[in-house]
Each structure stands twice: as structure tokens, then as C-alpha cells.
Protein backbone atom coordinates (compact mmCIF):
# COMPACT_ATOMS: atom_id res chain seq x y z
CA MET A 1 0.00 0.00 0.00
CA LYS A 2 1.42 3.37 -1.01
CA VAL A 3 0.78 6.45 1.11
CA ASP A 4 2.16 9.95 1.05
CA ALA A 5 4.89 11.05 3.46
CA LYS A 6 2.58 12.87 5.88
CA THR A 7 0.20 9.92 6.11
CA LYS A 8 3.13 7.52 6.52
CA SER A 9 4.53 9.52 9.43
CA LEU A 10 1.09 9.63 11.11
CA LEU A 11 0.64 5.90 10.55
CA ASP A 12 4.09 5.14 11.97
CA GLU A 13 3.38 7.29 15.03
CA HIS A 14 0.03 5.55 15.56
CA ASN A 15 1.67 2.12 15.29
CA ARG A 16 4.37 3.11 17.78
CA LYS A 17 1.77 4.33 20.28
CA LYS A 18 -0.26 1.18 19.81
CA SER A 19 2.73 -1.09 20.41
CA VAL A 20 3.70 0.88 23.54
CA GLU A 21 0.15 0.60 24.87
CA LYS A 22 0.13 -3.16 24.21
CA LYS A 23 3.45 -3.57 26.02
CA GLU A 24 2.24 -1.52 28.98
CA LYS A 25 -0.95 -3.54 29.15
CA LYS A 26 0.99 -6.81 29.09
CA ASP A 27 3.32 -5.56 31.81
CA THR A 28 0.39 -4.44 33.95
CA GLU A 29 -1.42 -7.76 33.51
CA ALA A 30 1.72 -9.71 34.35
CA LYS A 31 2.28 -7.58 37.44
CA GLU A 32 -1.33 -8.03 38.58
CA GLU A 33 -1.12 -11.76 37.99
CA GLU A 34 2.00 -11.98 40.12
CA GLU A 35 0.27 -10.04 42.88
CA GLY A 36 -2.91 -12.09 42.55
CA GLU A 37 -5.02 -9.12 41.47
CA THR A 38 -6.92 -10.69 38.58
CA LYS A 39 -10.22 -9.54 40.05
CA ALA A 40 -10.35 -6.51 37.71
CA SER A 41 -10.65 -8.79 34.68
CA ASP A 42 -13.59 -10.58 36.28
CA ASP A 43 -15.32 -7.25 36.93
CA ASP A 44 -14.95 -6.30 33.24
CA ASP A 45 -16.67 -9.54 32.22
CA ASP A 46 -19.56 -8.80 34.59
CA ASP A 47 -19.94 -5.29 33.14
CA ARG A 48 -20.05 -6.68 29.60
CA ALA A 49 -22.72 -9.22 30.59
CA GLY A 50 -24.82 -6.44 32.12
CA VAL A 51 -24.51 -4.32 29.01
CA ASP A 52 -25.44 -7.28 26.84
CA GLU A 53 -28.55 -7.95 28.92
CA MET A 54 -29.61 -4.32 28.70
CA ALA A 55 -28.99 -4.28 24.95
CA LEU A 56 -31.10 -7.40 24.53
CA ARG A 57 -33.94 -5.86 26.54
CA GLU A 58 -33.81 -2.70 24.44
CA ASP A 59 -33.81 -4.80 21.27
CA VAL A 60 -36.90 -6.71 22.42
CA LEU A 61 -38.71 -3.49 23.30
CA ALA A 62 -37.85 -1.98 19.92
CA LYS A 63 -39.04 -5.10 18.10
CA VAL A 64 -42.34 -5.10 19.98
CA GLY A 65 -42.85 -1.43 19.12
CA LEU A 66 -42.06 -2.01 15.45
CA ASP A 67 -44.38 -5.01 15.32
CA ALA A 68 -47.18 -2.90 16.78
CA LEU A 69 -46.61 -0.19 14.17
CA MET A 70 -46.57 -2.75 11.37
CA GLN A 71 -49.89 -4.19 12.54
CA GLU A 72 -51.43 -0.75 12.97
CA PHE A 73 -50.49 0.36 9.45
CA ALA A 74 -50.75 -3.03 7.69
CA ASP A 75 -53.69 -1.88 5.55
CA ASP A 76 -51.78 1.21 4.36
CA LEU A 77 -48.69 -0.84 3.60
CA CYS A 78 -50.67 -3.33 1.48
CA ARG A 79 -52.35 -0.68 -0.69
CA ASP A 80 -51.07 0.19 -4.14
CA PRO A 81 -49.64 3.70 -4.42
CA PRO A 82 -51.84 6.32 -6.11
CA GLU A 83 -51.38 6.81 -9.87
CA GLY A 84 -49.86 10.30 -9.49
CA GLU A 85 -46.90 9.18 -7.36
């Protein structure tokens, strides 16, 4: 992939930052594991499960609302459009 010089420098800088962040994260995880502090990872999983449950509830509510609208306007949706349109 060819990119111009400015884009290349920005891309290189982004990749450097990303690799530093990955290294810091690995170091932090290793340090926590040595100290027996893996509880933070478990908390993150619980948060994700809670968000997933809330998202599923919102999805169900949205689907019920859409189904109600479809039923309410089913006659209008089945009609042929007027000749002028």
C-alpha cells in the first residue's frame, strides 16, 4: 500500500503508540497476575454481561414497538400507491 509522506509519518506514530500501549498492558497484567489481582478482569466480564442484557432488553422493546406499528399500518402498507406518485 502506497501512502504519502505525511500519512506515513502519522501511521508510523500511531503504530508506535499502539505497540507501547500493548506492552504496557501486558506488563500491567503480568504484574497483577504476580500479585494475585486478577479480580479486575472478572469485573470487566460482569460489566459486559450487564450491558449485553440491557442491549437485549432494548432490542426486544424496539421489536415489539415495530411489530405494533406494522400491525397498525398493515392496511396502508398493502395498498397500491396512487397513480400520481
